Amino acid sequence: QGRMWAYPVGFTVLPHVGGFLGWFINQKEISVWYEKLKKPAWCPPRKMFPVAWTVLYTGMGYASYLVWNDLGGCSSKAIVPLGLYGAQLALNWAWPPLFFGAHNLKMALIDILCLDGLAIGTVCSWYRINKIAALLMAPYLGWLAMATCLTIRIWKDNPEKKPGKSE
């Protein structure tokens, strides 16, 4: 009973782990390679991303706790809703290494499009379980929509250079 706080804290912190690792591993590429990319005028300033992701990861983490708690922990009822959440979180964490680390804009685009579908599926499955949890994911879906559009624009505006071809 005395450690009941550990579950909401653990679930809330979990998404931040992959987000922090992605930033830490790719921070040099973010400041060097990313700055040179052609980006649309509506691209948020670089300083906004860590603030936004801190808020979004906190909301989604706590929302996952609410769903886990309402389903009685790791029960058979939790497999699909928390499985969708885990899958979309894995794709979320995979995006920075694909985009910033590998400079693979096409794979980052494929990743985020799959992520969008899984995130929407997560919210739809959570809505029947806990409406507050689903609502906590709404800002994340909005940010993903912007991030997807931004990824598409960056991919289109920064074509991959063919090996051996000079410009």
C-alpha atoms as a PDB file:
ATOM      1  CA  GLN A   1       0.000   0.000   0.000  1.00  0.00           C
ATOM      2  CA  GLY A   2       2.856   2.374   0.864  1.00  0.00           C
ATOM      3  CA  ARG A   3       4.437   2.034  -2.594  1.00  0.00           C
ATOM      4  CA  MET A   4       1.336   2.616  -4.702  1.00  0.00           C
ATOM      5  CA  TRP A   5       2.934   5.821  -6.010  1.00  0.00           C
ATOM      6  CA  ALA A   6       5.621   3.740  -7.738  1.00  0.00           C
ATOM      7  CA  TYR A   7       3.230   2.533 -10.462  1.00  0.00           C
ATOM      8  CA  PRO A   8       1.993   5.923 -11.687  1.00  0.00           C
ATOM      9  CA  VAL A   9       5.523   7.343 -11.440  1.00  0.00           C
ATOM     10  CA  GLY A  10       7.048   4.370 -13.292  1.00  0.00           C
ATOM     11  CA  PHE A  11       4.474   4.471 -16.087  1.00  0.00           C
ATOM     12  CA  THR A  12       4.850   8.253 -16.366  1.00  0.00           C
ATOM     13  CA  VAL A  13       8.650   8.139 -16.511  1.00  0.00           C
ATOM     14  CA  LEU A  14       8.910   5.206 -18.965  1.00  0.00           C
ATOM     15  CA  PRO A  15       8.272   7.147 -22.215  1.00  0.00           C
ATOM     16  CA  HIS A  16      10.897   9.717 -21.200  1.00  0.00           C
ATOM     17  CA  VAL A  17      13.602   7.009 -21.102  1.00  0.00           C
ATOM     18  CA  GLY A  18      13.571   6.357 -24.852  1.00  0.00           C
ATOM     19  CA  GLY A  19      13.032  10.025 -25.615  1.00  0.00           C
ATOM     20  CA  PHE A  20      16.041  11.036 -23.546  1.00  0.00           C
ATOM     21  CA  LEU A  21      18.225   8.306 -25.034  1.00  0.00           C
ATOM     22  CA  GLY A  22      17.206   9.333 -28.558  1.00  0.00           C
ATOM     23  CA  TRP A  23      18.117  12.945 -27.815  1.00  0.00           C
ATOM     24  CA  PHE A  24      21.362  12.033 -26.047  1.00  0.00           C
ATOM     25  CA  ILE A  25      22.613   9.723 -28.805  1.00  0.00           C
ATOM     26  CA  ASN A  26      21.636  12.078 -31.631  1.00  0.00           C
ATOM     27  CA  GLN A  27      22.284  15.509 -30.102  1.00  0.00           C
ATOM     28  CA  LYS A  28      25.351  16.190 -32.261  1.00  0.00           C
ATOM     29  CA  GLU A  29      23.437  15.329 -35.444  1.00  0.00           C
ATOM     30  CA  ILE A  30      20.554  17.521 -34.319  1.00  0.00           C
ATOM     31  CA  SER A  31      22.773  20.567 -33.975  1.00  0.00           C
ATOM     32  CA  VAL A  32      24.895  19.914 -37.096  1.00  0.00           C
ATOM     33  CA  TRP A  33      23.022  17.913 -39.755  1.00  0.00           C
ATOM     34  CA  TYR A  34      19.441  18.972 -38.925  1.00  0.00           C
ATOM     35  CA  GLU A  35      20.302  22.669 -39.031  1.00  0.00           C
ATOM     36  CA  LYS A  36      21.430  22.318 -42.672  1.00  0.00           C
ATOM     37  CA  LEU A  37      18.189  20.708 -43.851  1.00  0.00           C
ATOM     38  CA  LYS A  38      15.679  22.748 -45.805  1.00  0.00           C
ATOM     39  CA  LYS A  39      12.645  23.127 -43.510  1.00  0.00           C
ATOM     40  CA  PRO A  40       9.282  24.834 -44.012  1.00  0.00           C
ATOM     41  CA  ALA A  41       8.628  28.235 -42.429  1.00  0.00           C
ATOM     42  CA  TRP A  42       6.090  26.656 -40.058  1.00  0.00           C
ATOM     43  CA  CYS A  43       8.694  24.317 -38.521  1.00  0.00           C
ATOM     44  CA  PRO A  44       8.685  24.872 -34.740  1.00  0.00           C
ATOM     45  CA  PRO A  45      11.883  26.338 -33.259  1.00  0.00           C
ATOM     46  CA  ARG A  46      14.382  23.712 -32.073  1.00  0.00           C
ATOM     47  CA  LYS A  47      14.025  24.826 -28.444  1.00  0.00           C
ATOM     48  CA  MET A  48      10.320  23.927 -28.502  1.00  0.00           C
ATOM     49  CA  PHE A  49      10.868  20.205 -29.163  1.00  0.00           C
ATOM     50  CA  PRO A  50      12.253  19.162 -25.734  1.00  0.00           C
ATOM     51  CA  VAL A  51       9.496  21.125 -23.960  1.00  0.00           C
ATOM     52  CA  ALA A  52       6.779  19.610 -26.139  1.00  0.00           C
ATOM     53  CA  TRP A  53       8.102  16.058 -25.774  1.00  0.00           C
ATOM     54  CA  THR A  54       8.402  16.395 -21.995  1.00  0.00           C
ATOM     55  CA  VAL A  55       4.732  17.376 -21.770  1.00  0.00           C
ATOM     56  CA  LEU A  56       3.626  14.744 -24.309  1.00  0.00           C
ATOM     57  CA  TYR A  57       5.611  11.867 -22.777  1.00  0.00           C
ATOM     58  CA  THR A  58       4.324  12.765 -19.310  1.00  0.00           C
ATOM     59  CA  GLY A  59       0.708  12.768 -20.508  1.00  0.00           C
ATOM     60  CA  MET A  60       0.972   9.529 -22.456  1.00  0.00           C
ATOM     61  CA  GLY A  61       2.864   7.803 -19.649  1.00  0.00           C
ATOM     62  CA  TYR A  62       0.276   8.713 -17.049  1.00  0.00           C
ATOM     63  CA  ALA A  63      -2.513   7.774 -19.465  1.00  0.00           C
ATOM     64  CA  SER A  64      -0.952   4.322 -19.882  1.00  0.00           C
ATOM     65  CA  TYR A  65      -0.968   3.957 -16.094  1.00  0.00           C
ATOM     66  CA  LEU A  66      -4.694   4.803 -15.985  1.00  0.00           C
ATOM     67  CA  VAL A  67      -5.454   2.121 -18.587  1.00  0.00           C
ATOM     68  CA  TRP A  68      -3.204  -0.449 -16.875  1.00  0.00           C
ATOM     69  CA  ASN A  69      -4.829   0.315 -13.525  1.00  0.00           C
ATOM     70  CA  ASP A  70      -8.402   0.150 -14.888  1.00  0.00           C
ATOM     71  CA  LEU A  71      -7.671  -3.224 -16.507  1.00  0.00           C
ATOM     72  CA  GLY A  72      -6.317  -4.660 -13.259  1.00  0.00           C
ATOM     73  CA  GLY A  73      -2.639  -4.669 -14.225  1.00  0.00           C
ATOM     74  CA  CYS A  74      -1.139  -7.060 -16.733  1.00  0.00           C
ATOM     75  CA  SER A  75      -4.340  -8.991 -17.425  1.00  0.00           C
ATOM     76  CA  SER A  76      -5.441 -10.629 -20.650  1.00  0.00           C
ATOM     77  CA  LYS A  77      -7.707  -7.592 -21.220  1.00  0.00           C
ATOM     78  CA  ALA A  78      -4.620  -5.366 -21.247  1.00  0.00           C
ATOM     79  CA  ILE A  79      -2.811  -7.171 -24.081  1.00  0.00           C
ATOM     80  CA  VAL A  80      -4.320  -5.221 -26.994  1.00  0.00           C
ATOM     81  CA  PRO A  81      -4.585  -1.712 -25.488  1.00  0.00           C
ATOM     82  CA  LEU A  82      -1.163  -1.799 -23.837  1.00  0.00           C
ATOM     83  CA  GLY A  83       0.342  -3.765 -26.734  1.00  0.00           C
ATOM     84  CA  LEU A  84      -0.736  -1.010 -29.135  1.00  0.00           C
ATOM     85  CA  TYR A  85       0.727   1.555 -26.744  1.00  0.00           C
ATOM     86  CA  GLY A  86       4.019  -0.344 -26.470  1.00  0.00           C
ATOM     87  CA  ALA A  87       4.255  -0.750 -30.247  1.00  0.00           C
ATOM     88  CA  GLN A  88       3.616   2.927 -30.938  1.00  0.00           C
ATOM     89  CA  LEU A  89       6.105   3.883 -28.214  1.00  0.00           C
ATOM     90  CA  ALA A  90       8.748   1.649 -29.834  1.00  0.00           C
ATOM     91  CA  LEU A  91       8.152   3.366 -33.205  1.00  0.00           C
ATOM     92  CA  ASN A  92       8.263   6.736 -31.465  1.00  0.00           C
ATOM     93  CA  TRP A  93      11.661   5.881 -29.987  1.00  0.00           C
ATOM     94  CA  ALA A  94      12.868   4.502 -33.357  1.00  0.00           C
ATOM     95  CA  TRP A  95      12.199   7.719 -35.258  1.00  0.00           C
ATOM     96  CA  PRO A  96      15.149   9.829 -33.951  1.00  0.00           C
ATOM     97  CA  PRO A  97      17.819   7.200 -34.772  1.00  0.00           C
ATOM     98  CA  LEU A  98      16.340   6.779 -38.266  1.00  0.00           C
ATOM     99  CA  PHE A  99      15.992  10.501 -38.924  1.00  0.00           C
ATOM    100  CA  PHE A 100      18.915  12.062 -37.057  1.00  0.00           C
ATOM    101  CA  GLY A 101      21.270   9.103 -36.687  1.00  0.00           C
ATOM    102  CA  ALA A 102      20.967   7.327 -40.040  1.00  0.00           C
ATOM    103  CA  HIS A 103      19.812  10.446 -41.962  1.00  0.00           C
ATOM    104  CA  ASN A 104      17.288   8.099 -43.557  1.00  0.00           C
ATOM    105  CA  LEU A 105      14.374  10.417 -44.256  1.00  0.00           C
ATOM    106  CA  LYS A 106      12.419   7.768 -46.163  1.00  0.00           C
ATOM    107  CA  MET A 107      12.589   5.217 -43.318  1.00  0.00           C
ATOM    108  CA  ALA A 108      11.779   7.948 -40.780  1.00  0.00           C
ATOM    109  CA  LEU A 109       8.711   8.796 -42.875  1.00  0.00           C
ATOM    110  CA  ILE A 110       7.612   5.148 -43.036  1.00  0.00           C
ATOM    111  CA  ASP A 111       8.192   4.880 -39.284  1.00  0.00           C
ATOM    112  CA  ILE A 112       6.089   7.934 -38.443  1.00  0.00           C
ATOM    113  CA  LEU A 113       3.245   6.881 -40.759  1.00  0.00           C
ATOM    114  CA  CYS A 114       3.087   3.502 -38.994  1.00  0.00           C
ATOM    115  CA  LEU A 115       3.388   5.305 -35.664  1.00  0.00           C
ATOM    116  CA  ASP A 116       0.391   7.473 -36.559  1.00  0.00           C
ATOM    117  CA  GLY A 117      -1.763   4.405 -37.197  1.00  0.00           C
ATOM    118  CA  LEU A 118      -0.690   2.715 -33.969  1.00  0.00           C
ATOM    119  CA  ALA A 119      -1.181   5.892 -31.919  1.00  0.00           C
ATOM    120  CA  ILE A 120      -4.701   6.338 -33.316  1.00  0.00           C
ATOM    121  CA  GLY A 121      -5.410   2.660 -32.632  1.00  0.00           C
ATOM    122  CA  THR A 122      -4.124   3.107 -29.078  1.00  0.00           C
ATOM    123  CA  VAL A 123      -6.433   6.057 -28.434  1.00  0.00           C
ATOM    124  CA  CYS A 124      -9.428   4.247 -29.937  1.00  0.00           C
ATOM    125  CA  SER A 125      -8.813   1.185 -27.780  1.00  0.00           C
ATOM    126  CA  TRP A 126      -8.276   3.318 -24.667  1.00  0.00           C
ATOM    127  CA  TYR A 127     -11.426   5.396 -25.163  1.00  0.00           C
ATOM    128  CA  ARG A 128     -13.656   2.469 -24.155  1.00  0.00           C
ATOM    129  CA  ILE A 129     -11.506   1.808 -21.075  1.00  0.00           C
ATOM    130  CA  ASN A 130     -10.723   5.283 -19.738  1.00  0.00           C
ATOM    131  CA  LYS A 131     -11.873   8.455 -21.483  1.00  0.00           C
ATOM    132  CA  ILE A 132      -9.419  10.623 -19.515  1.00  0.00           C
ATOM    133  CA  ALA A 133      -6.531   8.442 -20.720  1.00  0.00           C
ATOM    134  CA  ALA A 134      -7.736   8.852 -24.310  1.00  0.00           C
ATOM    135  CA  LEU A 135      -8.040  12.628 -23.859  1.00  0.00           C
ATOM    136  CA  LEU A 136      -4.522  12.787 -22.404  1.00  0.00           C
ATOM    137  CA  MET A 137      -3.321  11.382 -25.734  1.00  0.00           C
ATOM    138  CA  ALA A 138      -5.054  14.100 -27.809  1.00  0.00           C
ATOM    139  CA  PRO A 139      -2.123  16.571 -27.647  1.00  0.00           C
ATOM    140  CA  TYR A 140       0.205  13.747 -28.694  1.00  0.00           C
ATOM    141  CA  LEU A 141      -1.963  12.983 -31.739  1.00  0.00           C
ATOM    142  CA  GLY A 142      -1.942  16.671 -32.649  1.00  0.00           C
ATOM    143  CA  TRP A 143       1.845  16.899 -32.328  1.00  0.00           C
ATOM    144  CA  LEU A 144       2.251  13.671 -34.327  1.00  0.00           C
ATOM    145  CA  ALA A 145       0.121  15.156 -37.110  1.00  0.00           C
ATOM    146  CA  MET A 146       2.424  18.185 -37.247  1.00  0.00           C
ATOM    147  CA  ALA A 147       5.551  15.979 -36.990  1.00  0.00           C
ATOM    148  CA  THR A 148       4.270  13.767 -39.802  1.00  0.00           C
ATOM    149  CA  CYS A 149       3.642  16.772 -42.059  1.00  0.00           C
ATOM    150  CA  LEU A 150       7.077  18.131 -41.154  1.00  0.00           C
ATOM    151  CA  THR A 151       8.732  14.783 -41.911  1.00  0.00           C
ATOM    152  CA  ILE A 152       6.960  14.636 -45.285  1.00  0.00           C
ATOM    153  CA  ARG A 153       8.062  18.180 -46.174  1.00  0.00           C
ATOM    154  CA  ILE A 154      11.674  17.597 -45.077  1.00  0.00           C
ATOM    155  CA  TRP A 155      11.766  14.307 -47.031  1.00  0.00           C
ATOM    156  CA  LYS A 156      10.377  16.022 -50.162  1.00  0.00           C
ATOM    157  CA  ASP A 157      12.518  19.165 -49.849  1.00  0.00           C
ATOM    158  CA  ASN A 158      15.800  17.340 -49.123  1.00  0.00           C
ATOM    159  CA  PRO A 159      16.104  14.620 -51.768  1.00  0.00           C
ATOM    160  CA  GLU A 160      18.599  11.865 -51.097  1.00  0.00           C
ATOM    161  CA  LYS A 161      21.856  12.387 -52.959  1.00  0.00           C
ATOM    162  CA  LYS A 162      22.694   9.529 -55.302  1.00  0.00           C
ATOM    163  CA  PRO A 163      26.175   8.094 -54.780  1.00  0.00           C
ATOM    164  CA  GLY A 164      28.638   9.109 -57.514  1.00  0.00           C
ATOM    165  CA  LYS A 165      26.478  11.982 -58.798  1.00  0.00           C
ATOM    166  CA  SER A 166      27.809  15.487 -58.492  1.00  0.00           C
ATOM    167  CA  GLU A 167      25.553  18.484 -58.195  1.00  0.00           C
END
